[in-house]
Amino acid sequence: MNRTEYRVIYGDTDQMGVVYYANYLNLFERGRCEYMRERAFDYGAFEKEGFFFPVVEVNCKYKAPAHFDDLLVIETEITAVSRITVDFGYRVLCGTTLLSEGSTRHACLSKESGRPVRFPASIRPLFPPQFGDVPLA
């Protein structure tokens, strides 16, 4: 699991002074990018190999609001892996208060055809050990 800190800026909030609901997807992406960086996964090199990694499904449950200047912690982990998809799980906290939890599913697409393909072996370092037996291309 990766833990990423982020301080809420004024531009993240709406007229009610709380973090705008769609910005939680940005928090998820921030957490996912740091998760990948921590594992030395080079997304640019992955694209140069001829693959894309788009979000194909998203889920977010809102539990409590975040406000300007709150220090948030985004917890990110991989929760499922198949031959062509990977699921990330997220929890956004302020102190010990759970603000939101959610998930994103990503598919491996061929850059050439735009169609789903099996993950290349180069993605293996991204996956936690419990997913080490998933057959890849």
N, C-alpha and C. Protein backbone atom coordinates (compact mmCIF):
# COMPACT_ATOMS: atom_id res chain seq x y z
N MET A 1 0.84 -1.18 0.00
CA MET A 1 0.00 0.00 0.00
C MET A 1 0.89 1.25 0.00
N ASN A 2 0.41 2.23 -0.71
CA ASN A 2 1.10 3.52 -0.75
C ASN A 2 0.25 4.53 0.00
N ARG A 3 0.90 5.43 0.72
CA ARG A 3 0.23 6.53 1.41
C ARG A 3 0.80 7.84 0.88
N THR A 4 -0.07 8.67 0.29
CA THR A 4 0.33 9.93 -0.31
C THR A 4 -0.37 11.06 0.42
N GLU A 5 0.39 12.08 0.82
CA GLU A 5 -0.21 13.24 1.47
C GLU A 5 -0.52 14.32 0.43
N TYR A 6 -1.60 15.03 0.67
CA TYR A 6 -1.99 16.14 -0.20
C TYR A 6 -2.73 17.18 0.63
N ARG A 7 -2.31 18.43 0.53
CA ARG A 7 -2.99 19.52 1.22
C ARG A 7 -3.99 20.16 0.25
N VAL A 8 -5.23 20.28 0.69
CA VAL A 8 -6.30 20.82 -0.14
C VAL A 8 -6.04 22.30 -0.43
N ILE A 9 -6.08 22.66 -1.71
CA ILE A 9 -5.94 24.06 -2.10
C ILE A 9 -7.33 24.66 -2.29
N TYR A 10 -7.39 25.99 -2.28
CA TYR A 10 -8.68 26.68 -2.39
C TYR A 10 -9.40 26.28 -3.67
N GLY A 11 -8.65 26.12 -4.76
CA GLY A 11 -9.25 25.76 -6.05
C GLY A 11 -9.89 24.39 -6.08
N ASP A 12 -9.63 23.54 -5.08
CA ASP A 12 -10.25 22.22 -4.99
C ASP A 12 -11.68 22.29 -4.44
N THR A 13 -12.03 23.43 -3.85
CA THR A 13 -13.31 23.53 -3.14
C THR A 13 -14.40 24.16 -4.00
N ASP A 14 -15.64 23.91 -3.60
CA ASP A 14 -16.79 24.49 -4.30
C ASP A 14 -17.35 25.66 -3.50
N GLN A 15 -18.49 26.18 -3.91
CA GLN A 15 -19.09 27.35 -3.27
C GLN A 15 -19.44 27.09 -1.80
N MET A 16 -19.65 25.82 -1.45
CA MET A 16 -19.98 25.47 -0.07
C MET A 16 -18.73 25.34 0.80
N GLY A 17 -17.55 25.48 0.18
CA GLY A 17 -16.31 25.40 0.94
C GLY A 17 -15.80 24.00 1.17
N VAL A 18 -16.36 23.03 0.46
CA VAL A 18 -15.88 21.65 0.59
C VAL A 18 -15.24 21.21 -0.72
N VAL A 19 -14.42 20.19 -0.66
CA VAL A 19 -13.78 19.69 -1.87
C VAL A 19 -14.86 19.21 -2.83
N TYR A 20 -14.81 19.75 -4.04
CA TYR A 20 -15.78 19.41 -5.09
C TYR A 20 -15.71 17.91 -5.36
N TYR A 21 -16.86 17.27 -5.51
CA TYR A 21 -16.94 15.81 -5.57
C TYR A 21 -16.05 15.19 -6.65
N ALA A 22 -15.97 15.82 -7.83
CA ALA A 22 -15.18 15.25 -8.93
C ALA A 22 -13.69 15.29 -8.63
N ASN A 23 -13.27 16.16 -7.74
CA ASN A 23 -11.84 16.25 -7.40
C ASN A 23 -11.33 15.02 -6.65
N TYR A 24 -12.24 14.22 -6.13
CA TYR A 24 -11.79 12.97 -5.50
C TYR A 24 -11.18 12.04 -6.54
N LEU A 25 -11.64 12.11 -7.78
CA LEU A 25 -11.01 11.30 -8.83
C LEU A 25 -9.58 11.76 -9.08
N ASN A 26 -9.34 13.07 -8.96
CA ASN A 26 -7.96 13.58 -9.06
C ASN A 26 -7.12 13.08 -7.90
N LEU A 27 -7.71 12.99 -6.71
CA LEU A 27 -6.98 12.45 -5.56
C LEU A 27 -6.63 10.99 -5.80
N PHE A 28 -7.57 10.24 -6.37
CA PHE A 28 -7.29 8.84 -6.69
C PHE A 28 -6.13 8.75 -7.67
N GLU A 29 -6.14 9.60 -8.70
CA GLU A 29 -5.06 9.57 -9.68
C GLU A 29 -3.72 9.94 -9.04
N ARG A 30 -3.73 10.93 -8.18
CA ARG A 30 -2.51 11.32 -7.47
C ARG A 30 -1.97 10.13 -6.68
N GLY A 31 -2.84 9.44 -5.97
CA GLY A 31 -2.42 8.27 -5.21
C GLY A 31 -1.89 7.16 -6.10
N ARG A 32 -2.57 6.93 -7.22
CA ARG A 32 -2.15 5.88 -8.17
C ARG A 32 -0.79 6.20 -8.77
N CYS A 33 -0.57 7.45 -9.15
CA CYS A 33 0.73 7.84 -9.73
C CYS A 33 1.86 7.63 -8.72
N GLU A 34 1.61 7.99 -7.47
CA GLU A 34 2.64 7.79 -6.44
C GLU A 34 2.86 6.30 -6.15
N TYR A 35 1.80 5.52 -6.19
CA TYR A 35 1.92 4.07 -6.04
C TYR A 35 2.86 3.52 -7.11
N MET A 36 2.63 3.93 -8.36
CA MET A 36 3.47 3.46 -9.47
C MET A 36 4.90 3.96 -9.34
N ARG A 37 5.06 5.22 -8.98
CA ARG A 37 6.40 5.80 -8.83
C ARG A 37 7.19 5.06 -7.75
N GLU A 38 6.51 4.74 -6.64
CA GLU A 38 7.16 4.02 -5.54
C GLU A 38 7.68 2.65 -6.00
N ARG A 39 7.04 2.07 -6.99
CA ARG A 39 7.44 0.76 -7.51
C ARG A 39 8.28 0.86 -8.77
N ALA A 40 8.75 2.06 -9.06
CA ALA A 40 9.62 2.33 -10.22
C ALA A 40 8.97 1.90 -11.53
N PHE A 41 7.65 2.02 -11.60
CA PHE A 41 6.95 1.71 -12.85
C PHE A 41 6.98 2.95 -13.73
N ASP A 42 7.53 2.80 -14.92
CA ASP A 42 7.69 3.92 -15.85
C ASP A 42 6.55 3.88 -16.87
N TYR A 43 5.52 4.70 -16.62
CA TYR A 43 4.36 4.71 -17.51
C TYR A 43 4.74 5.16 -18.92
N GLY A 44 5.67 6.10 -19.03
CA GLY A 44 6.13 6.56 -20.34
C GLY A 44 6.75 5.43 -21.15
N ALA A 45 7.56 4.60 -20.49
CA ALA A 45 8.17 3.46 -21.17
C ALA A 45 7.10 2.44 -21.56
N PHE A 46 6.09 2.29 -20.71
CA PHE A 46 4.97 1.38 -21.00
C PHE A 46 4.27 1.82 -22.28
N GLU A 47 4.05 3.12 -22.43
CA GLU A 47 3.43 3.63 -23.66
C GLU A 47 4.35 3.45 -24.87
N LYS A 48 5.66 3.64 -24.66
CA LYS A 48 6.60 3.45 -25.77
C LYS A 48 6.63 1.99 -26.23
N GLU A 49 6.30 1.06 -25.31
CA GLU A 49 6.20 -0.36 -25.69
C GLU A 49 4.98 -0.62 -26.55
N GLY A 50 4.05 0.36 -26.58
CA GLY A 50 2.86 0.21 -27.42
C GLY A 50 1.58 -0.06 -26.66
N PHE A 51 1.51 0.37 -25.39
CA PHE A 51 0.34 0.09 -24.57
C PHE A 51 -0.21 1.36 -23.92
N PHE A 52 -1.53 1.34 -23.68
CA PHE A 52 -2.19 2.37 -22.88
C PHE A 52 -2.82 1.68 -21.67
N PHE A 53 -3.18 2.47 -20.66
CA PHE A 53 -3.64 1.95 -19.38
C PHE A 53 -4.83 2.80 -18.90
N PRO A 54 -5.92 2.91 -19.71
CA PRO A 54 -7.00 3.83 -19.36
C PRO A 54 -7.90 3.31 -18.23
N VAL A 55 -8.55 4.26 -17.57
CA VAL A 55 -9.60 3.93 -16.60
C VAL A 55 -10.82 3.49 -17.40
N VAL A 56 -11.38 2.33 -17.06
CA VAL A 56 -12.57 1.84 -17.74
C VAL A 56 -13.77 1.76 -16.79
N GLU A 57 -13.51 1.94 -15.50
CA GLU A 57 -14.59 1.91 -14.51
C GLU A 57 -14.11 2.65 -13.27
N VAL A 58 -15.03 3.38 -12.63
CA VAL A 58 -14.68 4.10 -11.41
C VAL A 58 -15.85 4.03 -10.43
N ASN A 59 -15.50 4.00 -9.14
CA ASN A 59 -16.49 3.98 -8.08
C ASN A 59 -15.97 4.86 -6.96
N CYS A 60 -16.84 5.69 -6.39
CA CYS A 60 -16.43 6.54 -5.28
C CYS A 60 -17.59 6.69 -4.30
N LYS A 61 -17.32 6.42 -3.04
CA LYS A 61 -18.31 6.61 -1.98
C LYS A 61 -17.81 7.75 -1.09
N TYR A 62 -18.67 8.72 -0.87
CA TYR A 62 -18.32 9.89 -0.06
C TYR A 62 -18.85 9.68 1.35
N LYS A 63 -17.96 9.86 2.32
CA LYS A 63 -18.32 9.61 3.72
C LYS A 63 -18.38 10.90 4.54
N ALA A 64 -17.44 11.82 4.27
CA ALA A 64 -17.37 13.08 5.02
C ALA A 64 -16.66 14.10 4.13
N PRO A 65 -16.91 15.39 4.33
CA PRO A 65 -16.30 16.41 3.48
C PRO A 65 -14.87 16.76 3.88
N ALA A 66 -14.11 17.18 2.88
CA ALA A 66 -12.78 17.76 3.11
C ALA A 66 -12.91 19.26 2.82
N HIS A 67 -12.06 20.05 3.46
CA HIS A 67 -12.11 21.50 3.34
C HIS A 67 -10.75 22.08 2.98
N PHE A 68 -10.76 23.35 2.59
CA PHE A 68 -9.53 24.06 2.28
C PHE A 68 -8.52 23.88 3.40
N ASP A 69 -7.29 23.60 3.02
CA ASP A 69 -6.13 23.48 3.90
C ASP A 69 -6.08 22.19 4.71
N ASP A 70 -7.06 21.30 4.54
CA ASP A 70 -6.98 19.99 5.20
C ASP A 70 -5.80 19.22 4.63
N LEU A 71 -5.11 18.50 5.48
CA LEU A 71 -4.05 17.60 5.03
C LEU A 71 -4.65 16.21 4.89
N LEU A 72 -4.71 15.75 3.66
CA LEU A 72 -5.32 14.46 3.37
C LEU A 72 -4.25 13.40 3.18
N VAL A 73 -4.63 12.18 3.42
CA VAL A 73 -3.79 11.02 3.12
C VAL A 73 -4.59 10.13 2.17
N ILE A 74 -3.97 9.80 1.05
CA ILE A 74 -4.60 8.93 0.06
C ILE A 74 -3.90 7.57 0.16
N GLU A 75 -4.64 6.57 0.55
CA GLU A 75 -4.11 5.21 0.60
C GLU A 75 -4.48 4.49 -0.69
N THR A 76 -3.50 3.90 -1.33
CA THR A 76 -3.71 3.26 -2.63
C THR A 76 -3.12 1.87 -2.62
N GLU A 77 -3.87 0.93 -3.17
CA GLU A 77 -3.36 -0.43 -3.31
C GLU A 77 -4.02 -1.10 -4.51
N ILE A 78 -3.37 -2.12 -5.01
CA ILE A 78 -3.96 -2.95 -6.06
C ILE A 78 -4.79 -4.02 -5.37
N THR A 79 -6.05 -4.15 -5.81
CA THR A 79 -6.96 -5.09 -5.16
C THR A 79 -7.30 -6.30 -6.03
N ALA A 80 -7.08 -6.20 -7.34
CA ALA A 80 -7.36 -7.34 -8.23
C ALA A 80 -6.57 -7.17 -9.52
N VAL A 81 -6.18 -8.30 -10.09
CA VAL A 81 -5.44 -8.30 -11.36
C VAL A 81 -5.96 -9.44 -12.21
N SER A 82 -6.16 -9.17 -13.50
CA SER A 82 -6.47 -10.23 -14.45
C SER A 82 -5.46 -10.11 -15.60
N ARG A 83 -5.67 -10.84 -16.64
CA ARG A 83 -4.73 -10.79 -17.78
C ARG A 83 -4.74 -9.44 -18.48
N ILE A 84 -5.88 -8.71 -18.42
CA ILE A 84 -5.95 -7.42 -19.13
C ILE A 84 -6.44 -6.26 -18.27
N THR A 85 -6.82 -6.52 -17.01
CA THR A 85 -7.27 -5.42 -16.15
C THR A 85 -6.56 -5.46 -14.80
N VAL A 86 -6.53 -4.30 -14.18
CA VAL A 86 -6.02 -4.19 -12.81
C VAL A 86 -6.94 -3.21 -12.08
N ASP A 87 -7.28 -3.55 -10.84
CA ASP A 87 -8.14 -2.71 -10.01
C ASP A 87 -7.31 -2.08 -8.90
N PHE A 88 -7.47 -0.77 -8.74
CA PHE A 88 -6.85 -0.04 -7.64
C PHE A 88 -7.93 0.32 -6.64
N GLY A 89 -7.62 0.21 -5.36
CA GLY A 89 -8.52 0.65 -4.29
C GLY A 89 -7.94 1.87 -3.61
N TYR A 90 -8.81 2.77 -3.16
CA TYR A 90 -8.38 4.03 -2.55
C TYR A 90 -9.18 4.31 -1.29
N ARG A 91 -8.51 4.93 -0.35
CA ARG A 91 -9.16 5.51 0.84
C ARG A 91 -8.56 6.89 1.02
N VAL A 92 -9.41 7.90 1.20
CA VAL A 92 -8.95 9.26 1.44
C VAL A 92 -9.34 9.61 2.87
N LEU A 93 -8.32 9.98 3.66
CA LEU A 93 -8.53 10.28 5.07
C LEU A 93 -8.04 11.68 5.41
N CYS A 94 -8.65 12.25 6.43
CA CYS A 94 -8.16 13.48 7.06
C CYS A 94 -7.99 13.12 8.53
N GLY A 95 -6.73 12.98 8.94
CA GLY A 95 -6.48 12.44 10.28
C GLY A 95 -6.97 11.01 10.31
N THR A 96 -7.87 10.71 11.25
CA THR A 96 -8.42 9.36 11.34
C THR A 96 -9.80 9.26 10.71
N THR A 97 -10.30 10.36 10.14
CA THR A 97 -11.64 10.37 9.54
C THR A 97 -11.59 9.92 8.09
N LEU A 98 -12.36 8.89 7.76
CA LEU A 98 -12.47 8.41 6.39
C LEU A 98 -13.39 9.35 5.63
N LEU A 99 -12.85 10.00 4.58
CA LEU A 99 -13.62 10.94 3.78
C LEU A 99 -14.26 10.26 2.57
N SER A 100 -13.52 9.39 1.93
CA SER A 100 -14.06 8.67 0.76
C SER A 100 -13.28 7.39 0.56
N GLU A 101 -13.91 6.48 -0.14
CA GLU A 101 -13.25 5.26 -0.56
C GLU A 101 -13.78 4.92 -1.93
N GLY A 102 -12.93 4.30 -2.72
CA GLY A 102 -13.36 4.00 -4.08
C GLY A 102 -12.39 3.09 -4.79
N SER A 103 -12.63 2.97 -6.10
CA SER A 103 -11.78 2.09 -6.90
C SER A 103 -11.79 2.57 -8.35
N THR A 104 -10.75 2.16 -9.06
CA THR A 104 -10.70 2.34 -10.50
C THR A 104 -10.25 1.02 -11.12
N ARG A 105 -10.79 0.73 -12.27
CA ARG A 105 -10.35 -0.44 -13.05
C ARG A 105 -9.69 0.10 -14.31
N HIS A 106 -8.54 -0.47 -14.62
CA HIS A 106 -7.77 -0.06 -15.80
C HIS A 106 -7.58 -1.26 -16.70
N ALA A 107 -7.67 -1.01 -17.99
CA ALA A 107 -7.45 -2.07 -18.98
C ALA A 107 -6.15 -1.81 -19.72
N CYS A 108 -5.55 -2.86 -20.18
CA CYS A 108 -4.37 -2.75 -21.03
C CYS A 108 -4.85 -2.73 -22.48
N LEU A 109 -4.55 -1.63 -23.17
CA LEU A 109 -4.95 -1.50 -24.56
C LEU A 109 -3.72 -1.42 -25.46
N SER A 110 -3.86 -1.99 -26.63
CA SER A 110 -2.83 -1.84 -27.65
C SER A 110 -2.90 -0.42 -28.19
N LYS A 111 -1.77 0.25 -28.22
CA LYS A 111 -1.71 1.61 -28.77
C LYS A 111 -2.06 1.58 -30.26
N GLU A 112 -1.67 0.51 -30.93
CA GLU A 112 -1.89 0.38 -32.37
C GLU A 112 -3.36 0.16 -32.72
N SER A 113 -4.02 -0.79 -32.03
CA SER A 113 -5.39 -1.14 -32.38
C SER A 113 -6.44 -0.49 -31.49
N GLY A 114 -6.04 -0.06 -30.29
CA GLY A 114 -7.00 0.48 -29.34
C GLY A 114 -7.87 -0.59 -28.69
N ARG A 115 -7.50 -1.84 -28.87
CA ARG A 115 -8.26 -2.96 -28.32
C ARG A 115 -7.55 -3.54 -27.10
N PRO A 116 -8.31 -4.19 -26.21
CA PRO A 116 -7.70 -4.82 -25.04
C PRO A 116 -6.72 -5.92 -25.43
N VAL A 117 -5.62 -5.98 -24.70
CA VAL A 117 -4.61 -7.01 -24.89
C VAL A 117 -4.09 -7.43 -23.52
N ARG A 118 -3.42 -8.57 -23.47
CA ARG A 118 -2.80 -9.02 -22.21
C ARG A 118 -1.70 -8.05 -21.81
N PHE A 119 -1.53 -7.90 -20.50
CA PHE A 119 -0.43 -7.08 -20.00
C PHE A 119 0.91 -7.68 -20.42
N PRO A 120 1.86 -6.85 -20.81
CA PRO A 120 3.20 -7.37 -21.08
C PRO A 120 3.90 -7.70 -19.76
N ALA A 121 4.91 -8.52 -19.83
CA ALA A 121 5.66 -8.92 -18.63
C ALA A 121 6.29 -7.72 -17.94
N SER A 122 6.54 -6.64 -18.66
CA SER A 122 7.20 -5.45 -18.07
C SER A 122 6.36 -4.80 -16.97
N ILE A 123 5.08 -5.14 -16.88
CA ILE A 123 4.22 -4.54 -15.86
C ILE A 123 4.31 -5.29 -14.53
N ARG A 124 4.89 -6.47 -14.55
CA ARG A 124 4.93 -7.33 -13.35
C ARG A 124 5.41 -6.60 -12.07
N PRO A 125 6.45 -5.73 -12.12
CA PRO A 125 6.88 -5.07 -10.88
C PRO A 125 5.81 -4.21 -10.21
N LEU A 126 4.80 -3.82 -10.95
CA LEU A 126 3.72 -3.01 -10.40
C LEU A 126 2.83 -3.82 -9.48
N PHE A 127 2.70 -5.11 -9.73
CA PHE A 127 1.76 -5.95 -9.01
C PHE A 127 2.35 -6.46 -7.69
N PRO A 128 1.54 -6.44 -6.63
CA PRO A 128 2.01 -7.00 -5.36
C PRO A 128 2.26 -8.51 -5.49
N PRO A 129 3.06 -9.07 -4.59
CA PRO A 129 3.43 -10.50 -4.68
C PRO A 129 2.23 -11.45 -4.77
N GLN A 130 1.12 -11.13 -4.11
CA GLN A 130 -0.02 -12.05 -4.13
C GLN A 130 -0.63 -12.19 -5.52
N PHE A 131 -0.26 -11.30 -6.46
CA PHE A 131 -0.76 -11.40 -7.83
C PHE A 131 0.33 -11.87 -8.78
N GLY A 132 1.39 -12.42 -8.26
CA GLY A 132 2.53 -12.84 -9.08
C GLY A 132 2.26 -14.01 -10.00
N ASP A 133 1.19 -14.75 -9.77
CA ASP A 133 0.91 -15.92 -10.61
C ASP A 133 -0.09 -15.62 -11.73
N VAL A 134 -0.50 -14.36 -11.90
CA VAL A 134 -1.39 -14.01 -13.00
C VAL A 134 -0.63 -14.17 -14.30
N PRO A 135 -1.15 -14.98 -15.23
CA PRO A 135 -0.44 -15.18 -16.50
C PRO A 135 -0.48 -13.92 -17.35
N LEU A 136 0.68 -13.49 -17.80
CA LEU A 136 0.80 -12.31 -18.66
C LEU A 136 1.27 -12.75 -20.02
N ALA A 137 1.21 -11.83 -20.98
CA ALA A 137 1.64 -12.14 -22.34
C ALA A 137 3.11 -12.49 -22.40
